[in-house]
Amino acid sequence: MKTITTRISEDLLEKLEEIEREEKADRAAVIRRLLDKAVGNWKVEKALDELREGRTTLRTAARKADLTYVEMLDRAKEAGIQLGYTAEDLRDDLAELEE
């Protein structure tokens, strides 16, 4: 395991201390858990951005985010990302043909 050092604000330190008390855990364990969660969230958001911009496929986004295909599909749906030809797309196309 590697060691990292950083400066944090007094406000952030107080929040960390609150979590330590709540979780009955030492500072290092709390920071590792929070950092792991933050990195995971960042990876998911990055993959969703790439998916939204059409720079990656659903399968590749899932791999990059360390999620299953179905989990990534759910996250994309929650984020309102269109992944293909939807029923609404069909209705729009049919409406254009009728004009």
C-alpha atoms as a PDB file:
ATOM      1  CA  MET A   1       0.000   0.000   0.000  1.00  0.00           C
ATOM      2  CA  LYS A   2       1.245   3.502  -0.869  1.00  0.00           C
ATOM      3  CA  THR A   3       1.042   6.629   1.275  1.00  0.00           C
ATOM      4  CA  ILE A   4      -0.238   9.977   0.030  1.00  0.00           C
ATOM      5  CA  THR A   5      -0.233  13.342   1.774  1.00  0.00           C
ATOM      6  CA  THR A   6      -2.527  16.294   1.133  1.00  0.00           C
ATOM      7  CA  ARG A   7      -3.711  19.495   2.764  1.00  0.00           C
ATOM      8  CA  ILE A   8      -7.416  19.892   3.508  1.00  0.00           C
ATOM      9  CA  SER A   9      -9.563  22.693   4.856  1.00  0.00           C
ATOM     10  CA  GLU A  10     -10.670  22.835   8.484  1.00  0.00           C
ATOM     11  CA  ASP A  11     -14.245  22.318   7.287  1.00  0.00           C
ATOM     12  CA  LEU A  12     -13.351  19.122   5.465  1.00  0.00           C
ATOM     13  CA  LEU A  13     -11.379  17.884   8.483  1.00  0.00           C
ATOM     14  CA  GLU A  14     -14.426  18.411  10.703  1.00  0.00           C
ATOM     15  CA  LYS A  15     -16.554  16.420   8.261  1.00  0.00           C
ATOM     16  CA  LEU A  16     -14.000  13.604   8.239  1.00  0.00           C
ATOM     17  CA  GLU A  17     -13.932  13.553  12.032  1.00  0.00           C
ATOM     18  CA  GLU A  18     -17.730  13.344  12.079  1.00  0.00           C
ATOM     19  CA  ILE A  19     -17.621  10.343   9.751  1.00  0.00           C
ATOM     20  CA  GLU A  20     -14.910   8.731  11.892  1.00  0.00           C
ATOM     21  CA  ARG A  21     -17.137   9.034  14.960  1.00  0.00           C
ATOM     22  CA  GLU A  22     -20.251   7.799  13.125  1.00  0.00           C
ATOM     23  CA  GLU A  23     -18.478   4.846  11.548  1.00  0.00           C
ATOM     24  CA  LYS A  24     -16.274   4.134  14.570  1.00  0.00           C
ATOM     25  CA  ALA A  25     -13.345   3.902  12.157  1.00  0.00           C
ATOM     26  CA  ASP A  26      -9.917   5.442  12.016  1.00  0.00           C
ATOM     27  CA  ARG A  27      -9.132   8.312   9.669  1.00  0.00           C
ATOM     28  CA  ALA A  28      -7.120   6.249   7.207  1.00  0.00           C
ATOM     29  CA  ALA A  29      -9.942   3.726   6.767  1.00  0.00           C
ATOM     30  CA  VAL A  30     -12.517   6.499   6.287  1.00  0.00           C
ATOM     31  CA  ILE A  31     -10.358   8.311   3.731  1.00  0.00           C
ATOM     32  CA  ARG A  32      -9.659   5.087   1.803  1.00  0.00           C
ATOM     33  CA  ARG A  33     -13.372   4.233   1.680  1.00  0.00           C
ATOM     34  CA  LEU A  34     -14.381   7.754   0.591  1.00  0.00           C
ATOM     35  CA  LEU A  35     -11.620   7.960  -1.995  1.00  0.00           C
ATOM     36  CA  ASP A  36     -12.549   4.565  -3.419  1.00  0.00           C
ATOM     37  CA  LYS A  37     -16.185   5.647  -3.717  1.00  0.00           C
ATOM     38  CA  ALA A  38     -15.233   8.992  -5.306  1.00  0.00           C
ATOM     39  CA  VAL A  39     -12.995   7.317  -7.884  1.00  0.00           C
ATOM     40  CA  GLY A  40     -15.780   4.856  -8.725  1.00  0.00           C
ATOM     41  CA  ASN A  41     -18.279   7.695  -9.151  1.00  0.00           C
ATOM     42  CA  TRP A  42     -15.822   9.616 -11.336  1.00  0.00           C
ATOM     43  CA  LYS A  43     -15.335   6.574 -13.593  1.00  0.00           C
ATOM     44  CA  VAL A  44     -19.083   6.152 -14.024  1.00  0.00           C
ATOM     45  CA  GLU A  45     -19.609   9.847 -14.787  1.00  0.00           C
ATOM     46  CA  LYS A  46     -16.735   9.845 -17.291  1.00  0.00           C
ATOM     47  CA  ALA A  47     -18.147   6.765 -19.037  1.00  0.00           C
ATOM     48  CA  LEU A  48     -21.628   8.332 -19.128  1.00  0.00           C
ATOM     49  CA  ASP A  49     -20.199  11.527 -20.648  1.00  0.00           C
ATOM     50  CA  GLU A  50     -18.436   9.531 -23.359  1.00  0.00           C
ATOM     51  CA  LEU A  51     -21.609   7.564 -24.018  1.00  0.00           C
ATOM     52  CA  ARG A  52     -23.716  10.736 -24.150  1.00  0.00           C
ATOM     53  CA  GLU A  53     -21.300  12.293 -26.645  1.00  0.00           C
ATOM     54  CA  GLY A  54     -21.302   9.152 -28.802  1.00  0.00           C
ATOM     55  CA  ARG A  55     -17.568   8.563 -28.276  1.00  0.00           C
ATOM     56  CA  THR A  56     -18.011   5.048 -26.890  1.00  0.00           C
ATOM     57  CA  THR A  57     -20.331   2.073 -26.942  1.00  0.00           C
ATOM     58  CA  LEU A  58     -22.440   0.893 -24.033  1.00  0.00           C
ATOM     59  CA  ARG A  59     -20.277  -2.190 -23.604  1.00  0.00           C
ATOM     60  CA  THR A  60     -17.041  -0.155 -23.558  1.00  0.00           C
ATOM     61  CA  ALA A  61     -18.556   2.401 -21.177  1.00  0.00           C
ATOM     62  CA  ALA A  62     -19.545  -0.421 -18.820  1.00  0.00           C
ATOM     63  CA  ARG A  63     -16.015  -1.813 -18.884  1.00  0.00           C
ATOM     64  CA  LYS A  64     -14.480   1.606 -18.222  1.00  0.00           C
ATOM     65  CA  ALA A  65     -16.872   2.202 -15.314  1.00  0.00           C
ATOM     66  CA  ASP A  66     -16.310  -1.284 -13.837  1.00  0.00           C
ATOM     67  CA  LEU A  67     -20.029  -2.037 -14.202  1.00  0.00           C
ATOM     68  CA  THR A  68     -21.906  -4.850 -15.869  1.00  0.00           C
ATOM     69  CA  TYR A  69     -23.601  -4.181 -19.198  1.00  0.00           C
ATOM     70  CA  VAL A  70     -27.018  -4.165 -17.492  1.00  0.00           C
ATOM     71  CA  GLU A  71     -25.831  -1.837 -14.712  1.00  0.00           C
ATOM     72  CA  MET A  72     -24.468   0.593 -17.301  1.00  0.00           C
ATOM     73  CA  LEU A  73     -27.713   0.356 -19.250  1.00  0.00           C
ATOM     74  CA  ASP A  74     -29.609   1.307 -16.073  1.00  0.00           C
ATOM     75  CA  ARG A  75     -27.243   4.214 -15.337  1.00  0.00           C
ATOM     76  CA  ALA A  76     -27.571   5.488 -18.912  1.00  0.00           C
ATOM     77  CA  LYS A  77     -31.357   5.324 -18.670  1.00  0.00           C
ATOM     78  CA  GLU A  78     -31.289   7.187 -15.325  1.00  0.00           C
ATOM     79  CA  ALA A  79     -29.068   9.840 -16.934  1.00  0.00           C
ATOM     80  CA  GLY A  80     -31.519  10.212 -19.828  1.00  0.00           C
ATOM     81  CA  ILE A  81     -29.024   9.021 -22.421  1.00  0.00           C
ATOM     82  CA  GLN A  82     -30.602   7.760 -25.643  1.00  0.00           C
ATOM     83  CA  LEU A  83     -28.890   4.578 -26.705  1.00  0.00           C
ATOM     84  CA  GLY A  84     -30.558   3.735 -29.916  1.00  0.00           C
ATOM     85  CA  TYR A  85     -33.714   3.797 -31.922  1.00  0.00           C
ATOM     86  CA  THR A  86     -36.594   4.288 -29.494  1.00  0.00           C
ATOM     87  CA  ALA A  87     -40.350   4.085 -29.874  1.00  0.00           C
ATOM     88  CA  GLU A  88     -40.380   7.876 -29.895  1.00  0.00           C
ATOM     89  CA  ASP A  89     -37.888   7.864 -32.777  1.00  0.00           C
ATOM     90  CA  LEU A  90     -40.242   5.567 -34.692  1.00  0.00           C
ATOM     91  CA  ARG A  91     -43.218   7.845 -34.042  1.00  0.00           C
ATOM     92  CA  ASP A  92     -41.222  10.848 -35.269  1.00  0.00           C
ATOM     93  CA  ASP A  93     -40.150   9.002 -38.406  1.00  0.00           C
ATOM     94  CA  LEU A  94     -43.715   7.868 -39.139  1.00  0.00           C
ATOM     95  CA  ALA A  95     -44.994  11.405 -38.631  1.00  0.00           C
ATOM     96  CA  GLU A  96     -42.436  12.702 -41.137  1.00  0.00           C
ATOM     97  CA  LEU A  97     -43.506  10.082 -43.686  1.00  0.00           C
ATOM     98  CA  GLU A  98     -47.131  11.121 -43.338  1.00  0.00           C
ATOM     99  CA  GLU A  99     -46.304  14.762 -44.149  1.00  0.00           C
END
